[in-house]
Amino acid sequence: MTRIAAIIPVGTFEGAKSRLGGALDAEERQDLVEGLLTQTVLAALGVDRLDDVLVVSPDREVLRQAADLGARTLLQRTEGLNAGLREARGDVVAGGAEAVVVLPIDLPFVDGEAIATVVDALVEGDPDQPTGTPGADQPAVVLVTDRHGTGTNTIGLKPPDIIEPAFGPDSRRAHRTAAEAAGALYVEVDGPLTIDLDTPDDLVFVESSRQERLGVD
């Protein structure tokens, strides 16, 4: 069975989610990030198909909290999200990972079922995709876009180095282009992980979506 690791990249608590500054003060933003970290780590730990859950961050307080939750941790020595993911990839591959799922912590509706959907597609493919399903050794890239259809909210890679992480503007296109160039099966997955939390508009959208889920008018 394919050994799969989750990589959860986290920045620093101090100054976290600065783009939400117009809606939340610094303390509220830190509380939000701490809550999202807890939610993401616990969701990943609850997925049976994940053999390893690694939190990578340059912030030792982030790592302390992640370790308390039961995750493995890695102190990031480089700068930037993509560089940190490469560090984490090296760590999990050294531990035997044959595939990875990258889970940023700005996904307010993350849960074990949503993560398992990505994992299943990474291993089994998507029967609704005309490109077919992967065999045991078929390289695959599974991507969850943001709600605008341009970014990458979650990505699964088999093997872990099939493409390089390219988070940033228009990352959906960058990741898809790289997957095609690598000859990998490319699958996009819909669902709750398409909703992220980065701007005040996102905050309003998330609250509205949460009320809809609860059946509140």
Protein backbone atom coordinates (compact mmCIF):
# COMPACT_ATOMS: atom_id res chain seq x y z
CA MET A 1 0.00 0.00 0.00
CA THR A 2 1.24 3.47 -0.88
CA ARG A 3 2.76 5.27 2.11
CA ILE A 4 1.30 8.80 2.21
CA ALA A 5 2.37 11.78 4.30
CA ALA A 6 0.49 15.00 4.99
CA ILE A 7 2.57 18.17 5.01
CA ILE A 8 1.03 21.12 6.84
CA PRO A 9 2.96 24.36 6.19
CA VAL A 10 2.47 27.18 8.70
CA GLY A 11 4.00 30.65 8.87
CA THR A 12 4.46 32.51 12.15
CA PHE A 13 1.81 33.33 14.72
CA GLU A 14 3.09 36.89 14.97
CA GLY A 15 1.60 38.95 12.19
CA ALA A 16 -0.42 35.99 10.92
CA LYS A 17 -3.11 36.65 8.32
CA SER A 18 -2.22 40.33 8.02
CA ARG A 19 -4.60 40.72 5.05
CA LEU A 20 -7.45 40.24 7.52
CA GLY A 21 -6.26 43.31 9.42
CA GLY A 22 -9.25 45.36 8.29
CA ALA A 23 -11.64 42.88 9.89
CA LEU A 24 -9.73 41.37 12.83
CA ASP A 25 -7.15 42.77 15.24
CA ALA A 26 -3.80 41.06 15.84
CA GLU A 27 -5.03 38.99 18.79
CA GLU A 28 -8.11 37.83 16.90
CA ARG A 29 -5.99 36.86 13.91
CA GLN A 30 -3.62 34.83 16.08
CA ASP A 31 -6.55 33.08 17.76
CA LEU A 32 -7.93 32.29 14.31
CA VAL A 33 -4.66 30.80 13.10
CA GLU A 34 -4.22 28.74 16.26
CA GLY A 35 -7.74 27.37 15.83
CA LEU A 36 -7.14 26.55 12.17
CA LEU A 37 -3.86 24.81 13.03
CA THR A 38 -5.63 22.64 15.59
CA GLN A 39 -8.49 21.84 13.22
CA THR A 40 -6.18 20.92 10.33
CA VAL A 41 -3.79 18.76 12.36
CA LEU A 42 -6.58 16.85 14.10
CA ALA A 43 -8.39 16.30 10.79
CA ALA A 44 -5.24 14.92 9.18
CA LEU A 45 -4.44 12.69 12.14
CA GLY A 46 -7.91 11.19 11.82
CA VAL A 47 -7.39 9.99 8.24
CA ASP A 48 -6.48 6.29 8.27
CA ARG A 49 -4.71 6.38 4.89
CA LEU A 50 -2.22 8.99 6.10
CA ASP A 51 0.88 7.39 7.58
CA ASP A 52 2.60 10.61 8.67
CA VAL A 53 1.49 14.16 9.54
CA LEU A 54 4.28 16.74 9.49
CA VAL A 55 3.93 20.42 10.39
CA VAL A 56 6.70 22.62 8.97
CA SER A 57 7.15 26.16 10.26
CA PRO A 58 9.85 28.70 11.14
CA ASP A 59 7.92 29.46 14.36
CA ARG A 60 8.87 27.31 17.36
CA GLU A 61 5.59 28.13 19.11
CA VAL A 62 3.67 26.78 16.10
CA LEU A 63 5.74 23.60 16.28
CA ARG A 64 5.20 23.26 20.02
CA GLN A 65 1.43 23.45 19.61
CA ALA A 66 1.50 21.04 16.66
CA ALA A 67 3.56 18.54 18.66
CA ASP A 68 1.11 18.80 21.56
CA LEU A 69 -1.64 17.81 19.12
CA GLY A 70 0.28 14.73 18.03
CA ALA A 71 1.91 15.84 14.77
CA ARG A 72 5.57 15.49 13.86
CA THR A 73 7.31 18.83 13.39
CA LEU A 74 10.12 20.33 11.34
CA LEU A 75 11.73 23.71 11.94
CA GLN A 76 11.90 25.51 8.60
CA ARG A 77 15.37 26.89 7.89
CA THR A 78 14.61 28.48 4.51
CA GLU A 79 12.28 31.37 3.65
CA GLY A 80 8.99 31.12 1.84
CA LEU A 81 6.19 28.58 1.45
CA ASN A 82 7.56 26.67 -1.53
CA ALA A 83 11.04 26.41 0.01
CA GLY A 84 9.53 25.13 3.25
CA LEU A 85 7.58 22.51 1.34
CA ARG A 86 10.75 21.28 -0.31
CA GLU A 87 12.37 20.92 3.12
CA ALA A 88 9.36 19.01 4.40
CA ARG A 89 9.29 16.81 1.31
CA GLY A 90 12.87 15.76 1.96
CA ASP A 91 11.97 14.86 5.53
CA VAL A 92 8.94 12.71 4.74
CA VAL A 93 10.64 11.00 1.79
CA ALA A 94 13.52 10.08 4.11
CA GLY A 95 10.86 8.45 6.29
CA GLY A 96 9.55 6.36 3.41
CA ALA A 97 6.72 8.50 2.00
CA GLU A 98 5.75 7.56 -1.56
CA ALA A 99 3.16 10.33 -1.88
CA VAL A 100 2.31 13.59 -0.11
CA VAL A 101 -0.74 15.76 0.46
CA VAL A 102 -0.06 19.45 1.17
CA LEU A 103 -2.64 20.99 3.53
CA PRO A 104 -2.38 24.75 4.20
CA ILE A 105 -4.16 25.80 7.39
CA ASP A 106 -6.40 28.49 5.87
CA LEU A 107 -9.17 26.00 4.98
CA PRO A 108 -11.96 26.58 7.52
CA PHE A 109 -14.06 23.57 6.48
CA VAL A 110 -11.24 21.04 6.49
CA ASP A 111 -12.15 17.68 7.98
CA GLY A 112 -11.08 14.07 7.70
CA GLU A 113 -13.62 13.23 5.01
CA ALA A 114 -12.47 16.07 2.74
CA ILE A 115 -8.82 15.08 3.16
CA ALA A 116 -9.66 11.42 2.51
CA THR A 117 -11.28 12.41 -0.80
CA VAL A 118 -7.97 13.90 -1.95
CA VAL A 119 -6.04 10.86 -0.70
CA ASP A 120 -8.40 8.46 -2.48
CA ALA A 121 -8.07 10.37 -5.75
CA LEU A 122 -4.30 10.36 -5.40
CA VAL A 123 -4.20 6.59 -5.05
CA GLU A 124 -7.21 5.52 -7.13
CA GLY A 125 -7.77 8.38 -9.60
CA ASP A 126 -11.14 9.90 -10.50
CA PRO A 127 -13.50 7.67 -12.51
CA ASP A 128 -15.25 10.77 -13.88
CA GLN A 129 -12.02 11.99 -15.47
CA PRO A 130 -11.54 10.95 -19.11
CA THR A 131 -7.83 10.46 -18.48
CA GLY A 132 -8.53 7.27 -16.53
CA THR A 133 -7.17 6.02 -13.23
CA PRO A 134 -3.61 5.51 -12.07
CA GLY A 135 -1.95 2.16 -11.72
CA ALA A 136 0.24 1.36 -8.75
CA ASP A 137 3.18 3.22 -10.27
CA GLN A 138 1.27 5.90 -12.21
CA PRO A 139 2.49 9.40 -11.26
CA ALA A 140 -0.43 11.58 -10.21
CA VAL A 141 -1.19 15.17 -9.21
CA VAL A 142 -4.48 15.83 -7.39
CA LEU A 143 -5.45 19.46 -6.91
CA VAL A 144 -8.18 21.36 -5.09
CA THR A 145 -8.55 24.88 -6.46
CA ASP A 146 -9.67 27.93 -4.53
CA ARG A 147 -13.22 29.17 -5.06
CA HIS A 148 -12.00 31.62 -7.70
CA GLY A 149 -10.50 28.82 -9.77
CA THR A 150 -7.01 30.29 -9.98
CA GLY A 151 -5.22 29.22 -6.80
CA THR A 152 -4.29 25.92 -5.17
CA ASN A 153 -5.83 25.13 -1.80
CA THR A 154 -4.62 21.54 -1.51
CA ILE A 155 -2.37 19.37 -3.66
CA GLY A 156 -1.49 15.69 -3.66
CA LEU A 157 1.67 14.42 -5.35
CA LYS A 158 2.68 10.87 -6.22
CA PRO A 159 5.64 10.51 -6.07
CA PRO A 160 6.38 13.49 -3.81
CA ASP A 161 8.79 15.05 -6.30
CA ILE A 162 6.71 14.53 -9.46
CA ILE A 163 6.49 18.35 -9.71
CA GLU A 164 7.88 21.24 -7.70
CA PRO A 165 5.52 23.23 -5.44
CA ALA A 166 4.48 26.47 -7.13
CA PHE A 167 2.17 28.18 -4.65
CA GLY A 168 1.57 31.82 -5.51
CA PRO A 169 -0.40 33.78 -8.14
CA ASP A 170 -2.14 31.55 -10.70
CA SER A 171 -0.78 28.42 -9.02
CA ARG A 172 -3.54 26.20 -10.41
CA ARG A 173 -2.28 26.80 -13.93
CA ALA A 174 1.35 26.40 -12.87
CA HIS A 175 0.70 23.09 -11.13
CA ARG A 176 -1.41 21.72 -13.98
CA THR A 177 1.16 22.70 -16.60
CA ALA A 178 3.91 21.06 -14.57
CA ALA A 179 1.84 17.89 -14.12
CA GLU A 180 1.20 17.62 -17.85
CA ALA A 181 4.88 18.20 -18.62
CA ALA A 182 5.78 15.42 -16.17
CA GLY A 183 3.34 12.99 -17.77
CA ALA A 184 1.34 12.67 -14.56
CA LEU A 185 -2.35 11.91 -14.27
CA TYR A 186 -3.96 15.23 -13.32
CA VAL A 187 -7.16 15.20 -11.26
CA GLU A 188 -9.11 18.11 -9.76
CA VAL A 189 -11.28 17.49 -6.71
CA ASP A 190 -14.19 19.69 -5.60
CA GLY A 191 -15.65 20.05 -2.13
CA PRO A 192 -15.22 22.00 1.12
CA LEU A 193 -11.47 22.48 0.67
CA THR A 194 -12.16 24.93 -2.17
CA ILE A 195 -13.02 27.52 0.48
CA ASP A 196 -10.06 29.33 2.01
CA LEU A 197 -9.68 32.23 4.40
CA ASP A 198 -7.28 34.95 3.38
CA THR A 199 -9.12 38.27 2.90
CA PRO A 200 -12.03 40.13 4.56
CA ASP A 201 -14.22 39.04 1.63
CA ASP A 202 -13.28 35.44 2.38
CA LEU A 203 -14.26 35.99 6.01
CA VAL A 204 -17.74 37.12 4.96
CA PHE A 205 -18.07 34.23 2.52
CA VAL A 206 -17.00 31.70 5.14
CA GLU A 207 -19.50 33.01 7.68
CA SER A 208 -22.28 32.91 5.09
CA SER A 209 -21.30 29.35 4.10
CA ARG A 210 -21.20 28.28 7.73
CA GLN A 211 -24.72 29.59 8.30
CA GLU A 212 -25.93 27.73 5.21
CA ARG A 213 -24.38 24.51 6.52
CA LEU A 214 -26.17 25.01 9.82
CA GLY A 215 -29.44 25.90 8.12
CA VAL A 216 -29.46 29.42 9.59
CA ASP A 217 -31.26 32.14 7.64
